[in-house]
Amino acid sequence: MFDNQQVMDLPKHSEIQLNPLADKALLHVQLNWLAFYIPFCAVLFAVCYFNEAFANKAQAYLLIGVPILILLSMLYNALSIKLQGLRYAITILRLKKGLFGSK
């Protein structure tokens, strides 16, 4: 039988203790985006290599657009990490019974 106790004493928003993000949070976000952009650039390179007509038409746009796109996303990530909640609060959930918890 599931036992669900009601939480009555929730802290006020202003009373929640906030903790700074890890020092390497920005690095992890940037590496995640690079994990997308590296294969993306490899596919674009392969398309240009095997399709000369496309390469001739799109070469200038790709050489200018892709680095700008990567730079803008990296700047956005940096600003987002800095401005959008540099802090977090930890909420602890405790399961009394069930698949993940025991009595």
Protein backbone atom coordinates (compact mmCIF):
# COMPACT_ATOMS: atom_id res chain seq x y z
CA MET A 1 0.00 0.00 0.00
CA PHE A 2 1.29 3.43 -0.99
CA ASP A 3 1.66 5.94 1.82
CA ASN A 4 1.56 9.56 0.62
CA GLN A 5 2.05 12.11 3.35
CA GLN A 6 1.08 15.68 2.58
CA VAL A 7 3.82 18.28 2.87
CA MET A 8 2.41 21.26 4.70
CA ASP A 9 5.45 23.36 5.59
CA LEU A 10 6.96 24.36 2.27
CA PRO A 11 9.64 27.05 2.49
CA LYS A 12 8.95 30.49 1.05
CA HIS A 13 10.67 31.25 -2.23
CA SER A 14 12.78 33.96 -0.59
CA GLU A 15 13.95 31.54 2.12
CA ILE A 16 15.34 28.87 -0.21
CA GLN A 17 19.10 28.65 0.02
CA LEU A 18 20.60 28.83 -3.45
CA ASN A 19 23.90 27.20 -4.37
CA PRO A 20 26.19 28.27 -7.22
CA LEU A 21 26.48 26.09 -10.30
CA ALA A 22 29.55 23.95 -10.70
CA ASP A 23 32.63 25.76 -11.94
CA LYS A 24 32.65 23.75 -15.15
CA ALA A 25 28.94 24.18 -15.99
CA LEU A 26 29.70 26.42 -18.98
CA LEU A 27 32.36 24.01 -20.23
CA HIS A 28 29.88 21.13 -20.14
CA VAL A 29 27.25 23.13 -22.04
CA GLN A 30 29.79 24.20 -24.66
CA LEU A 31 31.07 20.64 -25.09
CA ASN A 32 27.50 19.39 -25.54
CA TRP A 33 26.95 21.87 -28.35
CA LEU A 34 30.29 21.00 -29.93
CA ALA A 35 29.19 17.36 -29.88
CA PHE A 36 26.36 18.50 -32.16
CA TYR A 37 28.35 20.90 -34.37
CA ILE A 38 31.24 18.55 -35.16
CA PRO A 39 29.03 15.90 -36.84
CA PHE A 40 26.93 18.69 -38.39
CA CYS A 41 30.04 20.19 -40.03
CA ALA A 42 31.21 16.72 -41.09
CA VAL A 43 27.89 16.08 -42.85
CA LEU A 44 28.06 19.47 -44.56
CA PHE A 45 31.61 18.73 -45.67
CA ALA A 46 30.56 15.32 -47.03
CA VAL A 47 27.61 16.84 -48.92
CA CYS A 48 29.88 19.48 -50.42
CA TYR A 49 32.52 16.88 -51.29
CA PHE A 50 30.09 14.59 -53.11
CA ASN A 51 27.83 17.27 -54.60
CA GLU A 52 29.98 19.76 -56.45
CA ALA A 53 27.04 21.80 -57.73
CA PHE A 54 25.78 22.36 -54.18
CA ALA A 55 29.30 23.16 -53.01
CA ASN A 56 29.74 25.81 -55.71
CA LYS A 57 26.44 27.51 -54.83
CA ALA A 58 26.67 27.27 -51.04
CA GLN A 59 30.39 27.53 -50.36
CA ALA A 60 30.46 31.23 -49.48
CA TYR A 61 27.32 30.96 -47.33
CA LEU A 62 28.65 27.94 -45.48
CA LEU A 63 32.10 29.41 -44.91
CA ILE A 64 30.55 32.53 -43.41
CA GLY A 65 27.31 31.22 -41.91
CA VAL A 66 28.45 28.12 -40.05
CA PRO A 67 31.22 29.82 -38.03
CA ILE A 68 28.83 32.69 -37.21
CA LEU A 69 26.17 30.17 -36.13
CA ILE A 70 28.66 28.35 -33.90
CA LEU A 71 29.99 31.60 -32.42
CA LEU A 72 26.49 32.94 -31.70
CA SER A 73 25.42 29.71 -30.01
CA MET A 74 28.56 29.68 -27.86
CA LEU A 75 27.97 33.32 -26.85
CA TYR A 76 24.33 32.55 -26.11
CA ASN A 77 25.39 29.63 -23.91
CA ALA A 78 27.81 31.82 -21.98
CA LEU A 79 25.22 34.54 -21.41
CA SER A 80 22.54 32.00 -20.57
CA ILE A 81 24.67 30.32 -17.91
CA LYS A 82 25.68 33.69 -16.49
CA LEU A 83 22.28 35.40 -16.46
CA GLN A 84 19.73 32.61 -16.24
CA GLY A 85 20.02 31.39 -12.74
CA LEU A 86 23.58 30.92 -11.75
CA ARG A 87 22.20 29.20 -8.73
CA TYR A 88 20.03 26.24 -7.97
CA ALA A 89 18.21 24.84 -4.99
CA ILE A 90 18.22 21.19 -4.01
CA THR A 91 14.88 19.57 -3.37
CA ILE A 92 14.98 16.25 -1.59
CA LEU A 93 12.32 13.65 -2.30
CA ARG A 94 12.01 10.64 -0.08
CA LEU A 95 10.09 7.57 -1.13
CA LYS A 96 8.80 5.48 1.72
CA LYS A 97 7.61 2.49 -0.28
CA GLY A 98 7.63 1.44 -3.86
CA LEU A 99 10.00 0.47 -6.59
CA PHE A 100 12.76 2.89 -5.57
CA GLY A 101 12.31 3.04 -1.84
CA SER A 102 11.84 0.72 1.07
CA LYS A 103 10.20 1.12 4.41
